[in-house]
Amino acid sequence: MYPFKYATVSNRKYTSNVASFAGEYIQPTETIYTTCTDIPITKNASIKMQDGVILVVQDIEAVNNINTGKLKAYLITLVGGVPDELG
């Protein structure tokens, strides 16, 4: 296990509403930002979130420092997820 800190990313503020329609289950998605650049993260890797949900890495985007060009963070898109009922 490689624990790391992250922040959730939101482009806009919004109000949650409820709607329903007949259809298939939609996988949850989450975008996180982490400055932990030394973690061995790869696409399709599973990440256990703080709330116990396990999500799969769909995409990893490097965030570089504008002035130096050095890697400063990752923007990670996660999908799927099931509750970790076994602990």
Protein backbone atom coordinates (compact mmCIF):
# COMPACT_ATOMS: atom_id res chain seq x y z
CA MET A 1 0.00 0.00 0.00
CA TYR A 2 1.19 3.50 -0.87
CA PRO A 3 -0.94 6.05 1.00
CA PHE A 4 -0.89 9.57 -0.39
CA LYS A 5 -2.73 12.86 0.08
CA TYR A 6 -5.08 14.16 -2.57
CA ALA A 7 -7.73 16.80 -3.19
CA THR A 8 -10.90 16.40 -5.20
CA VAL A 9 -11.21 18.60 -8.26
CA SER A 10 -14.30 20.58 -9.24
CA ASN A 11 -14.45 22.94 -12.17
CA ARG A 12 -17.58 24.73 -10.96
CA LYS A 13 -19.73 25.10 -7.92
CA TYR A 14 -23.09 23.44 -8.36
CA THR A 15 -26.19 22.33 -6.55
CA SER A 16 -26.95 18.64 -6.38
CA ASN A 17 -30.32 17.56 -7.75
CA VAL A 18 -31.95 14.18 -8.04
CA ALA A 19 -33.26 12.66 -11.26
CA SER A 20 -33.89 9.13 -12.42
CA PHE A 21 -34.26 7.31 -15.68
CA ALA A 22 -34.39 3.72 -16.78
CA GLY A 23 -30.98 2.59 -17.89
CA GLU A 24 -27.72 0.93 -17.01
CA TYR A 25 -25.65 1.51 -13.90
CA ILE A 26 -23.28 4.45 -14.36
CA GLN A 27 -19.83 4.03 -12.86
CA PRO A 28 -18.78 6.72 -10.41
CA THR A 29 -15.87 8.91 -11.47
CA GLU A 30 -13.52 11.08 -9.47
CA THR A 31 -10.69 13.40 -10.43
CA ILE A 32 -7.96 13.91 -7.86
CA TYR A 33 -4.84 16.08 -7.68
CA THR A 34 -1.76 14.97 -5.77
CA THR A 35 1.66 16.50 -5.30
CA CYS A 36 3.05 13.10 -4.33
CA THR A 37 5.08 12.54 -7.50
CA ASP A 38 7.06 9.58 -6.18
CA ILE A 39 4.15 7.13 -6.00
CA PRO A 40 4.32 4.17 -8.42
CA ILE A 41 0.95 4.83 -10.07
CA THR A 42 -0.08 3.35 -13.42
CA LYS A 43 -3.23 3.17 -15.53
CA ASN A 44 -5.64 0.41 -14.44
CA ALA A 45 -4.17 0.39 -10.92
CA SER A 46 -6.65 0.21 -8.05
CA ILE A 47 -6.69 2.95 -5.42
CA LYS A 48 -8.47 2.64 -2.09
CA MET A 49 -9.97 6.03 -1.28
CA GLN A 50 -10.31 7.47 2.22
CA ASP A 51 -13.99 6.45 2.36
CA GLY A 52 -13.11 2.80 1.60
CA VAL A 53 -14.26 2.82 -2.04
CA ILE A 54 -11.81 1.25 -4.47
CA LEU A 55 -11.48 3.09 -7.80
CA VAL A 56 -9.43 2.28 -10.91
CA VAL A 57 -7.00 4.72 -12.55
CA GLN A 58 -8.33 5.63 -16.00
CA ASP A 59 -5.94 8.46 -16.84
CA ILE A 60 -2.85 10.17 -15.39
CA GLU A 61 -1.89 13.68 -16.42
CA ALA A 62 1.42 15.17 -15.36
CA VAL A 63 1.31 18.76 -14.05
CA ASN A 64 4.59 20.56 -14.65
CA ASN A 65 5.93 23.74 -13.07
CA ILE A 66 5.51 26.57 -15.61
CA ASN A 67 8.87 28.15 -14.77
CA THR A 68 11.10 25.08 -14.48
CA GLY A 69 9.26 22.42 -16.48
CA LYS A 70 9.75 19.95 -13.62
CA LEU A 71 6.98 17.58 -12.58
CA LYS A 72 5.09 19.04 -9.61
CA ALA A 73 1.89 16.97 -9.39
CA TYR A 74 -0.47 14.47 -11.01
CA LEU A 75 -4.09 14.95 -12.06
CA ILE A 76 -5.64 11.47 -11.88
CA THR A 77 -9.00 10.37 -13.29
CA LEU A 78 -10.56 7.42 -11.43
CA VAL A 79 -13.58 5.30 -12.41
CA GLY A 80 -15.66 2.45 -11.11
CA GLY A 81 -15.58 1.51 -7.51
CA VAL A 82 -17.16 -0.83 -5.05
CA PRO A 83 -17.32 -0.52 -1.27
CA ASP A 84 -14.50 -2.36 0.47
CA GLU A 85 -16.67 -4.44 2.79
CA LEU A 86 -13.83 -6.64 3.99
CA GLY A 87 -11.96 -3.77 5.61
